[in-house]
Amino acid sequence: MSTTAVPRPFLQDVRAFGKPLQRMVEWMGDLGIFCWRVARSLFSLPFEGAEFLRQLDSVGAKSLPLAALAGAATGVVLSMQTRDSLSRFGAKSLLPAVIVYSMVKETGPIIASLIVCGRVGAGIGAEIGSMRVTEQIDAMEVSAVDPYKYLVATRVLACIVAMPLLTAATDFVGIFVGWIATTLADPVPLKLFLANGFKGAAFSDILPSTFKTAVFGFIIGAVSCFQGMRTRGGTEGVGRSATSSVVLATLFIMLTDVVLVRLIIEVF
């Protein structure tokens, strides 16, 4: 009775496909364990209040000008693009509502999250990565200082708290500058613009879209810190950690946004 041998090239192809898949599964498992350790550190005492405030200033206050500028540019673009489109259908009176709803429900949260992801995510990944390769984190552990509580938990919590505030600022600036762009083409009082823009709007249209960015903040902080803590290979590894932090956090934000939008529609 003869047995048919499996061709060696086929086995090599299976192994070549299986190794990346195995590394991806291992990475996801390590990230899950990391997030669990961060969650425990967030709810354990003592709380690193001074470090949290320093990180909140770094993440929130220092990101505000860039987020406001992005919101202003978005408001101008929305005003110019939608004015031309609505004019073709004789619905130019809907322009304030289009600008307000676009900024509040989706454009503002996504723009603010991506801006913070690019600025803060790369910074956290590079900062913690450089501390890892220079053995500063090892020195903290030897000194009985929990790096997850002092370094990671404070940064993650700062991202969670800052993101809804930055989103609200982005929405406000985008709507205000959108009104300015609209007024330059067709003068309209600000009070009338806001009344038409928010006509029929409820808190269920504003709050869920704003506070979902807290989830984006957790993603930015957790992924960036995770990549920083895994840094290997000196300064080259620090660069890789900074880049991968931004890329992976952006990818997770996009995927999570699809899920959250669907969840918000179902609930509210």
C-alpha atoms as a PDB file:
ATOM      1  CA  MET A   1       0.000   0.000   0.000  1.00  0.00           C
ATOM      2  CA  SER A   2       1.651   3.260  -1.146  1.00  0.00           C
ATOM      3  CA  THR A   3       1.191   6.705   0.336  1.00  0.00           C
ATOM      4  CA  THR A   4       1.232   9.899  -1.646  1.00  0.00           C
ATOM      5  CA  ALA A   5       3.907  12.287  -0.427  1.00  0.00           C
ATOM      6  CA  VAL A   6       3.021  15.956  -0.087  1.00  0.00           C
ATOM      7  CA  PRO A   7       5.132  18.031  -2.502  1.00  0.00           C
ATOM      8  CA  ARG A   8       7.865  19.936  -0.678  1.00  0.00           C
ATOM      9  CA  PRO A   9       7.155  23.269  -2.461  1.00  0.00           C
ATOM     10  CA  PHE A  10       3.556  23.094  -1.203  1.00  0.00           C
ATOM     11  CA  LEU A  11       4.744  22.674   2.386  1.00  0.00           C
ATOM     12  CA  GLN A  12       7.108  25.582   1.977  1.00  0.00           C
ATOM     13  CA  ASP A  13       4.260  27.749   0.675  1.00  0.00           C
ATOM     14  CA  VAL A  14       2.089  26.776   3.658  1.00  0.00           C
ATOM     15  CA  ARG A  15       4.873  27.644   6.105  1.00  0.00           C
ATOM     16  CA  ALA A  16       5.553  30.935   4.313  1.00  0.00           C
ATOM     17  CA  PHE A  17       1.876  31.884   4.611  1.00  0.00           C
ATOM     18  CA  GLY A  18       1.528  30.614   8.161  1.00  0.00           C
ATOM     19  CA  LYS A  19       4.424  32.554   9.705  1.00  0.00           C
ATOM     20  CA  PRO A  20       2.991  36.056   9.072  1.00  0.00           C
ATOM     21  CA  LEU A  21      -0.404  34.855  10.255  1.00  0.00           C
ATOM     22  CA  GLN A  22       1.162  33.406  13.391  1.00  0.00           C
ATOM     23  CA  ARG A  23       3.044  36.641  14.084  1.00  0.00           C
ATOM     24  CA  MET A  24      -0.169  38.650  13.640  1.00  0.00           C
ATOM     25  CA  VAL A  25      -2.074  36.424  16.086  1.00  0.00           C
ATOM     26  CA  GLU A  26       0.777  36.640  18.601  1.00  0.00           C
ATOM     27  CA  TRP A  27       0.857  40.434  18.224  1.00  0.00           C
ATOM     28  CA  MET A  28      -2.889  40.699  18.837  1.00  0.00           C
ATOM     29  CA  GLY A  29      -2.590  38.465  21.894  1.00  0.00           C
ATOM     30  CA  ASP A  30       0.266  40.545  23.293  1.00  0.00           C
ATOM     31  CA  LEU A  31      -1.744  43.722  22.673  1.00  0.00           C
ATOM     32  CA  GLY A  32      -4.734  42.275  24.530  1.00  0.00           C
ATOM     33  CA  ILE A  33      -2.558  41.358  27.535  1.00  0.00           C
ATOM     34  CA  PHE A  34      -0.978  44.821  27.407  1.00  0.00           C
ATOM     35  CA  CYS A  35      -4.399  46.546  27.408  1.00  0.00           C
ATOM     36  CA  TRP A  36      -5.455  44.436  30.402  1.00  0.00           C
ATOM     37  CA  ARG A  37      -2.359  45.520  32.338  1.00  0.00           C
ATOM     38  CA  VAL A  38      -3.049  49.140  31.417  1.00  0.00           C
ATOM     39  CA  ALA A  39      -6.677  48.844  32.585  1.00  0.00           C
ATOM     40  CA  ARG A  40      -5.531  47.430  35.929  1.00  0.00           C
ATOM     41  CA  SER A  41      -3.012  50.254  36.310  1.00  0.00           C
ATOM     42  CA  LEU A  42      -5.693  52.876  35.625  1.00  0.00           C
ATOM     43  CA  PHE A  43      -7.854  51.664  38.514  1.00  0.00           C
ATOM     44  CA  SER A  44      -5.118  50.939  41.056  1.00  0.00           C
ATOM     45  CA  LEU A  45      -3.688  53.317  43.626  1.00  0.00           C
ATOM     46  CA  PRO A  46      -1.716  55.500  43.973  1.00  0.00           C
ATOM     47  CA  PHE A  47      -2.686  57.632  40.982  1.00  0.00           C
ATOM     48  CA  GLU A  48       0.098  59.553  39.238  1.00  0.00           C
ATOM     49  CA  GLY A  49      -1.736  62.876  39.168  1.00  0.00           C
ATOM     50  CA  ALA A  50       1.213  65.141  38.370  1.00  0.00           C
ATOM     51  CA  GLU A  51       2.361  62.997  35.442  1.00  0.00           C
ATOM     52  CA  PHE A  52      -1.210  62.756  34.162  1.00  0.00           C
ATOM     53  CA  LEU A  53      -1.576  66.553  34.119  1.00  0.00           C
ATOM     54  CA  ARG A  54       1.746  66.897  32.313  1.00  0.00           C
ATOM     55  CA  GLN A  55       0.655  64.394  29.676  1.00  0.00           C
ATOM     56  CA  LEU A  56      -2.776  66.049  29.389  1.00  0.00           C
ATOM     57  CA  ASP A  57      -1.037  69.328  28.597  1.00  0.00           C
ATOM     58  CA  SER A  58       1.209  67.588  26.049  1.00  0.00           C
ATOM     59  CA  VAL A  59      -1.628  65.685  24.370  1.00  0.00           C
ATOM     60  CA  GLY A  60      -4.439  68.226  24.672  1.00  0.00           C
ATOM     61  CA  ALA A  61      -3.224  71.810  24.928  1.00  0.00           C
ATOM     62  CA  LYS A  62      -0.306  71.407  22.534  1.00  0.00           C
ATOM     63  CA  SER A  63      -2.488  69.642  19.955  1.00  0.00           C
ATOM     64  CA  LEU A  64      -5.212  72.321  20.092  1.00  0.00           C
ATOM     65  CA  PRO A  65      -3.710  74.759  17.534  1.00  0.00           C
ATOM     66  CA  LEU A  66      -3.199  72.003  14.956  1.00  0.00           C
ATOM     67  CA  ALA A  67      -6.681  70.563  15.541  1.00  0.00           C
ATOM     68  CA  ALA A  68      -8.239  74.033  15.271  1.00  0.00           C
ATOM     69  CA  LEU A  69      -6.358  74.717  12.037  1.00  0.00           C
ATOM     70  CA  ALA A  70      -7.533  71.404  10.576  1.00  0.00           C
ATOM     71  CA  GLY A  71     -11.104  72.207  11.638  1.00  0.00           C
ATOM     72  CA  ALA A  72     -10.911  75.649  10.020  1.00  0.00           C
ATOM     73  CA  ALA A  73      -9.633  74.216   6.740  1.00  0.00           C
ATOM     74  CA  THR A  74     -12.362  71.579   6.799  1.00  0.00           C
ATOM     75  CA  GLY A  75     -15.059  74.196   7.413  1.00  0.00           C
ATOM     76  CA  VAL A  76     -13.895  76.273   4.448  1.00  0.00           C
ATOM     77  CA  VAL A  77     -13.760  73.254   2.140  1.00  0.00           C
ATOM     78  CA  LEU A  78     -17.221  72.086   3.221  1.00  0.00           C
ATOM     79  CA  SER A  79     -18.653  75.542   2.595  1.00  0.00           C
ATOM     80  CA  MET A  80     -17.155  75.862  -0.893  1.00  0.00           C
ATOM     81  CA  GLN A  81     -17.859  72.311  -2.050  1.00  0.00           C
ATOM     82  CA  THR A  82     -21.397  71.936  -0.719  1.00  0.00           C
ATOM     83  CA  ARG A  83     -22.442  75.414  -1.879  1.00  0.00           C
ATOM     84  CA  ASP A  84     -21.688  74.477  -5.482  1.00  0.00           C
ATOM     85  CA  SER A  85     -23.423  71.100  -5.200  1.00  0.00           C
ATOM     86  CA  LEU A  86     -26.533  72.405  -3.415  1.00  0.00           C
ATOM     87  CA  SER A  87     -26.892  75.336  -5.810  1.00  0.00           C
ATOM     88  CA  ARG A  88     -27.333  72.908  -8.702  1.00  0.00           C
ATOM     89  CA  PHE A  89     -30.389  71.423  -7.019  1.00  0.00           C
ATOM     90  CA  GLY A  90     -31.833  74.679  -5.676  1.00  0.00           C
ATOM     91  CA  ALA A  91     -31.160  73.650  -2.067  1.00  0.00           C
ATOM     92  CA  LYS A  92     -28.674  76.331  -1.047  1.00  0.00           C
ATOM     93  CA  SER A  93     -30.716  77.036   2.100  1.00  0.00           C
ATOM     94  CA  LEU A  94     -29.567  73.661   3.441  1.00  0.00           C
ATOM     95  CA  LEU A  95     -25.909  74.731   3.462  1.00  0.00           C
ATOM     96  CA  PRO A  96     -25.755  75.581   7.203  1.00  0.00           C
ATOM     97  CA  ALA A  97     -27.272  72.206   8.139  1.00  0.00           C
ATOM     98  CA  VAL A  98     -24.857  70.346   5.866  1.00  0.00           C
ATOM     99  CA  ILE A  99     -21.833  72.102   7.397  1.00  0.00           C
ATOM    100  CA  VAL A 100     -23.006  71.617  10.988  1.00  0.00           C
ATOM    101  CA  TYR A 101     -24.056  67.990  10.636  1.00  0.00           C
ATOM    102  CA  SER A 102     -20.960  67.069   8.626  1.00  0.00           C
ATOM    103  CA  MET A 103     -18.618  68.587  11.206  1.00  0.00           C
ATOM    104  CA  VAL A 104     -20.407  67.328  14.311  1.00  0.00           C
ATOM    105  CA  LYS A 105     -21.363  63.813  13.287  1.00  0.00           C
ATOM    106  CA  GLU A 106     -18.292  62.537  11.425  1.00  0.00           C
ATOM    107  CA  THR A 107     -15.819  64.958   9.882  1.00  0.00           C
ATOM    108  CA  GLY A 108     -14.821  66.702  13.110  1.00  0.00           C
ATOM    109  CA  PRO A 109     -14.241  63.535  15.160  1.00  0.00           C
ATOM    110  CA  ILE A 110     -12.243  61.827  12.413  1.00  0.00           C
ATOM    111  CA  ILE A 111     -10.141  64.902  11.597  1.00  0.00           C
ATOM    112  CA  ALA A 112      -9.316  65.517  15.267  1.00  0.00           C
ATOM    113  CA  SER A 113      -8.486  61.840  15.857  1.00  0.00           C
ATOM    114  CA  LEU A 114      -6.155  61.603  12.864  1.00  0.00           C
ATOM    115  CA  ILE A 115      -4.418  64.859  13.779  1.00  0.00           C
ATOM    116  CA  VAL A 116      -3.790  63.645  17.330  1.00  0.00           C
ATOM    117  CA  CYS A 117      -2.794  60.222  16.042  1.00  0.00           C
ATOM    118  CA  GLY A 118      -0.140  61.723  13.788  1.00  0.00           C
ATOM    119  CA  ARG A 119       1.264  64.139  16.339  1.00  0.00           C
ATOM    120  CA  VAL A 120       0.832  62.336  19.654  1.00  0.00           C
ATOM    121  CA  GLY A 121       1.068  58.726  18.492  1.00  0.00           C
ATOM    122  CA  ALA A 122       4.470  59.188  16.899  1.00  0.00           C
ATOM    123  CA  GLY A 123       5.700  61.163  19.908  1.00  0.00           C
ATOM    124  CA  ILE A 124       4.615  58.562  22.455  1.00  0.00           C
ATOM    125  CA  GLY A 125       6.022  55.700  20.394  1.00  0.00           C
ATOM    126  CA  ALA A 126       9.375  57.427  19.966  1.00  0.00           C
ATOM    127  CA  GLU A 127       9.575  58.618  23.579  1.00  0.00           C
ATOM    128  CA  ILE A 128       8.830  55.285  25.209  1.00  0.00           C
ATOM    129  CA  GLY A 129      10.872  53.487  22.554  1.00  0.00           C
ATOM    130  CA  SER A 130      13.939  55.578  23.328  1.00  0.00           C
ATOM    131  CA  MET A 131      13.444  54.900  27.046  1.00  0.00           C
ATOM    132  CA  ARG A 132      13.284  51.178  26.292  1.00  0.00           C
ATOM    133  CA  VAL A 133      16.461  51.014  24.196  1.00  0.00           C
ATOM    134  CA  THR A 134      18.402  53.166  26.682  1.00  0.00           C
ATOM    135  CA  GLU A 135      17.255  50.863  29.523  1.00  0.00           C
ATOM    136  CA  GLN A 136      15.515  53.646  31.444  1.00  0.00           C
ATOM    137  CA  ILE A 137      12.401  51.465  31.793  1.00  0.00           C
ATOM    138  CA  ASP A 138      14.534  48.639  33.193  1.00  0.00           C
ATOM    139  CA  ALA A 139      15.981  51.105  35.699  1.00  0.00           C
ATOM    140  CA  MET A 140      12.457  52.115  36.747  1.00  0.00           C
ATOM    141  CA  GLU A 141      11.517  48.490  37.359  1.00  0.00           C
ATOM    142  CA  VAL A 142      14.661  47.964  39.444  1.00  0.00           C
ATOM    143  CA  SER A 143      13.732  51.061  41.471  1.00  0.00           C
ATOM    144  CA  ALA A 144      10.278  49.536  42.199  1.00  0.00           C
ATOM    145  CA  VAL A 145       8.471  52.029  39.945  1.00  0.00           C
ATOM    146  CA  ASP A 146       5.751  50.456  37.825  1.00  0.00           C
ATOM    147  CA  PRO A 147       6.319  51.697  34.239  1.00  0.00           C
ATOM    148  CA  TYR A 148       2.785  50.671  33.259  1.00  0.00           C
ATOM    149  CA  LYS A 149       1.314  52.973  35.894  1.00  0.00           C
ATOM    150  CA  TYR A 150       3.750  55.886  35.525  1.00  0.00           C
ATOM    151  CA  LEU A 151       4.433  55.859  31.773  1.00  0.00           C
ATOM    152  CA  VAL A 152       1.595  54.014  30.054  1.00  0.00           C
ATOM    153  CA  ALA A 153      -1.556  54.547  32.133  1.00  0.00           C
ATOM    154  CA  THR A 154      -1.044  58.325  32.405  1.00  0.00           C
ATOM    155  CA  ARG A 155      -0.561  58.707  28.646  1.00  0.00           C
ATOM    156  CA  VAL A 156      -3.524  56.504  27.760  1.00  0.00           C
ATOM    157  CA  LEU A 157      -5.807  58.340  30.194  1.00  0.00           C
ATOM    158  CA  ALA A 158      -4.618  61.712  28.879  1.00  0.00           C
ATOM    159  CA  CYS A 159      -5.516  60.645  25.328  1.00  0.00           C
ATOM    160  CA  ILE A 160      -8.949  59.429  26.479  1.00  0.00           C
ATOM    161  CA  VAL A 161      -9.743  62.709  28.264  1.00  0.00           C
ATOM    162  CA  ALA A 162      -8.266  65.031  25.643  1.00  0.00           C
ATOM    163  CA  MET A 163      -9.879  63.569  22.537  1.00  0.00           C
ATOM    164  CA  PRO A 164     -13.519  64.651  23.196  1.00  0.00           C
ATOM    165  CA  LEU A 165     -12.310  68.142  24.153  1.00  0.00           C
ATOM    166  CA  LEU A 166     -10.195  68.472  21.020  1.00  0.00           C
ATOM    167  CA  THR A 167     -13.100  67.171  18.940  1.00  0.00           C
ATOM    168  CA  ALA A 168     -15.445  69.799  20.378  1.00  0.00           C
ATOM    169  CA  ALA A 169     -12.873  72.506  19.609  1.00  0.00           C
ATOM    170  CA  THR A 170     -12.442  71.201  16.055  1.00  0.00           C
ATOM    171  CA  ASP A 171     -16.219  71.191  15.531  1.00  0.00           C
ATOM    172  CA  PHE A 172     -16.588  74.729  16.880  1.00  0.00           C
ATOM    173  CA  VAL A 173     -13.795  76.181  14.753  1.00  0.00           C
ATOM    174  CA  GLY A 174     -14.976  74.295  11.653  1.00  0.00           C
ATOM    175  CA  ILE A 175     -18.546  75.566  11.999  1.00  0.00           C
ATOM    176  CA  PHE A 176     -17.453  79.139  12.754  1.00  0.00           C
ATOM    177  CA  VAL A 177     -15.014  79.327   9.853  1.00  0.00           C
ATOM    178  CA  GLY A 178     -17.612  77.635   7.646  1.00  0.00           C
ATOM    179  CA  TRP A 179     -19.980  80.478   8.506  1.00  0.00           C
ATOM    180  CA  ILE A 180     -17.274  83.019   7.626  1.00  0.00           C
ATOM    181  CA  ALA A 181     -16.679  81.346   4.248  1.00  0.00           C
ATOM    182  CA  THR A 182     -20.428  81.269   3.621  1.00  0.00           C
ATOM    183  CA  THR A 183     -20.849  84.929   4.600  1.00  0.00           C
ATOM    184  CA  LEU A 184     -18.103  86.041   2.225  1.00  0.00           C
ATOM    185  CA  ALA A 185     -20.077  84.576  -0.678  1.00  0.00           C
ATOM    186  CA  ASP A 186     -23.617  85.246   0.560  1.00  0.00           C
ATOM    187  CA  PRO A 187     -23.921  87.320   3.768  1.00  0.00           C
ATOM    188  CA  VAL A 188     -25.919  85.597   6.503  1.00  0.00           C
ATOM    189  CA  PRO A 189     -26.070  86.474  10.233  1.00  0.00           C
ATOM    190  CA  LEU A 190     -24.328  84.052  12.565  1.00  0.00           C
ATOM    191  CA  LYS A 191     -27.486  83.616  14.650  1.00  0.00           C
ATOM    192  CA  LEU A 192     -29.514  82.650  11.582  1.00  0.00           C
ATOM    193  CA  PHE A 193     -26.735  80.356  10.340  1.00  0.00           C
ATOM    194  CA  LEU A 194     -26.629  78.488  13.647  1.00  0.00           C
ATOM    195  CA  ALA A 195     -30.422  78.350  13.906  1.00  0.00           C
ATOM    196  CA  ASN A 196     -30.692  76.768  10.463  1.00  0.00           C
ATOM    197  CA  GLY A 197     -27.701  74.532  11.086  1.00  0.00           C
ATOM    198  CA  PHE A 198     -28.923  73.085  14.367  1.00  0.00           C
ATOM    199  CA  LYS A 199     -32.602  72.976  13.395  1.00  0.00           C
ATOM    200  CA  GLY A 200     -33.939  69.581  14.393  1.00  0.00           C
ATOM    201  CA  ALA A 201     -30.663  68.551  16.027  1.00  0.00           C
ATOM    202  CA  ALA A 202     -30.767  66.774  19.378  1.00  0.00           C
ATOM    203  CA  PHE A 203     -28.164  65.747  21.938  1.00  0.00           C
ATOM    204  CA  SER A 204     -28.302  62.249  20.472  1.00  0.00           C
ATOM    205  CA  ASP A 205     -26.834  63.723  17.280  1.00  0.00           C
ATOM    206  CA  ILE A 206     -23.965  65.493  19.031  1.00  0.00           C
ATOM    207  CA  LEU A 207     -22.883  63.692  22.192  1.00  0.00           C
ATOM    208  CA  PRO A 208     -22.350  60.133  20.855  1.00  0.00           C
ATOM    209  CA  SER A 209     -20.269  61.374  17.927  1.00  0.00           C
ATOM    210  CA  THR A 210     -18.153  63.519  20.241  1.00  0.00           C
ATOM    211  CA  PHE A 211     -17.608  61.022  23.027  1.00  0.00           C
ATOM    212  CA  LYS A 212     -16.848  58.119  20.694  1.00  0.00           C
ATOM    213  CA  THR A 213     -13.491  59.821  20.228  1.00  0.00           C
ATOM    214  CA  ALA A 214     -12.628  58.723  23.780  1.00  0.00           C
ATOM    215  CA  VAL A 215     -12.386  55.221  22.278  1.00  0.00           C
ATOM    216  CA  PHE A 216     -10.102  56.631  19.591  1.00  0.00           C
ATOM    217  CA  GLY A 217      -8.004  58.209  22.338  1.00  0.00           C
ATOM    218  CA  PHE A 218      -7.632  54.846  24.046  1.00  0.00           C
ATOM    219  CA  ILE A 219      -6.558  53.292  20.745  1.00  0.00           C
ATOM    220  CA  ILE A 220      -3.967  56.016  20.115  1.00  0.00           C
ATOM    221  CA  GLY A 221      -2.517  55.809  23.615  1.00  0.00           C
ATOM    222  CA  ALA A 222      -2.556  52.027  23.945  1.00  0.00           C
ATOM    223  CA  VAL A 223      -1.136  51.199  20.498  1.00  0.00           C
ATOM    224  CA  SER A 224       1.568  53.882  20.728  1.00  0.00           C
ATOM    225  CA  CYS A 225       2.665  52.807  24.198  1.00  0.00           C
ATOM    226  CA  PHE A 226       2.556  49.143  23.184  1.00  0.00           C
ATOM    227  CA  GLN A 227       4.772  49.717  20.164  1.00  0.00           C
ATOM    228  CA  GLY A 228       7.134  51.830  22.251  1.00  0.00           C
ATOM    229  CA  MET A 229       7.473  49.174  24.943  1.00  0.00           C
ATOM    230  CA  ARG A 230       8.306  46.567  22.265  1.00  0.00           C
ATOM    231  CA  THR A 231      11.097  48.651  20.744  1.00  0.00           C
ATOM    232  CA  ARG A 232      14.291  46.800  19.898  1.00  0.00           C
ATOM    233  CA  GLY A 233      17.352  47.661  17.837  1.00  0.00           C
ATOM    234  CA  GLY A 234      18.575  51.081  18.985  1.00  0.00           C
ATOM    235  CA  THR A 235      17.708  54.311  17.222  1.00  0.00           C
ATOM    236  CA  GLU A 236      16.521  52.487  14.120  1.00  0.00           C
ATOM    237  CA  GLY A 237      14.037  50.586  16.261  1.00  0.00           C
ATOM    238  CA  VAL A 238      12.792  53.863  17.766  1.00  0.00           C
ATOM    239  CA  GLY A 239      12.016  55.147  14.267  1.00  0.00           C
ATOM    240  CA  ARG A 240      10.157  51.956  13.424  1.00  0.00           C
ATOM    241  CA  SER A 241       8.141  52.214  16.627  1.00  0.00           C
ATOM    242  CA  ALA A 242       7.118  55.804  15.893  1.00  0.00           C
ATOM    243  CA  THR A 243       6.056  54.930  12.345  1.00  0.00           C
ATOM    244  CA  SER A 244       4.200  51.751  13.275  1.00  0.00           C
ATOM    245  CA  SER A 245       2.406  53.551  16.104  1.00  0.00           C
ATOM    246  CA  VAL A 246       0.854  56.044  13.687  1.00  0.00           C
ATOM    247  CA  VAL A 247       0.070  53.485  10.985  1.00  0.00           C
ATOM    248  CA  LEU A 248      -1.519  50.902  13.286  1.00  0.00           C
ATOM    249  CA  ALA A 249      -3.452  53.445  15.361  1.00  0.00           C
ATOM    250  CA  THR A 250      -4.837  55.041  12.181  1.00  0.00           C
ATOM    251  CA  LEU A 251      -5.910  51.646  10.865  1.00  0.00           C
ATOM    252  CA  PHE A 252      -7.627  50.717  14.131  1.00  0.00           C
ATOM    253  CA  ILE A 253      -9.366  54.106  14.299  1.00  0.00           C
ATOM    254  CA  MET A 254     -10.845  53.624  10.823  1.00  0.00           C
ATOM    255  CA  LEU A 255     -12.041  50.105  11.582  1.00  0.00           C
ATOM    256  CA  THR A 256     -13.418  51.057  14.994  1.00  0.00           C
ATOM    257  CA  ASP A 257     -15.236  54.066  13.542  1.00  0.00           C
ATOM    258  CA  VAL A 258     -17.237  51.788  11.239  1.00  0.00           C
ATOM    259  CA  VAL A 259     -18.339  49.690  14.215  1.00  0.00           C
ATOM    260  CA  LEU A 260     -19.130  52.697  16.426  1.00  0.00           C
ATOM    261  CA  VAL A 261     -21.136  54.494  13.733  1.00  0.00           C
ATOM    262  CA  ARG A 262     -23.266  51.412  13.234  1.00  0.00           C
ATOM    263  CA  LEU A 263     -23.679  51.004  16.999  1.00  0.00           C
ATOM    264  CA  ILE A 264     -24.685  54.653  17.436  1.00  0.00           C
ATOM    265  CA  ILE A 265     -27.274  54.345  14.655  1.00  0.00           C
ATOM    266  CA  GLU A 266     -28.767  51.250  16.270  1.00  0.00           C
ATOM    267  CA  VAL A 267     -28.847  52.691  19.812  1.00  0.00           C
ATOM    268  CA  PHE A 268     -29.849  56.311  19.149  1.00  0.00           C
END
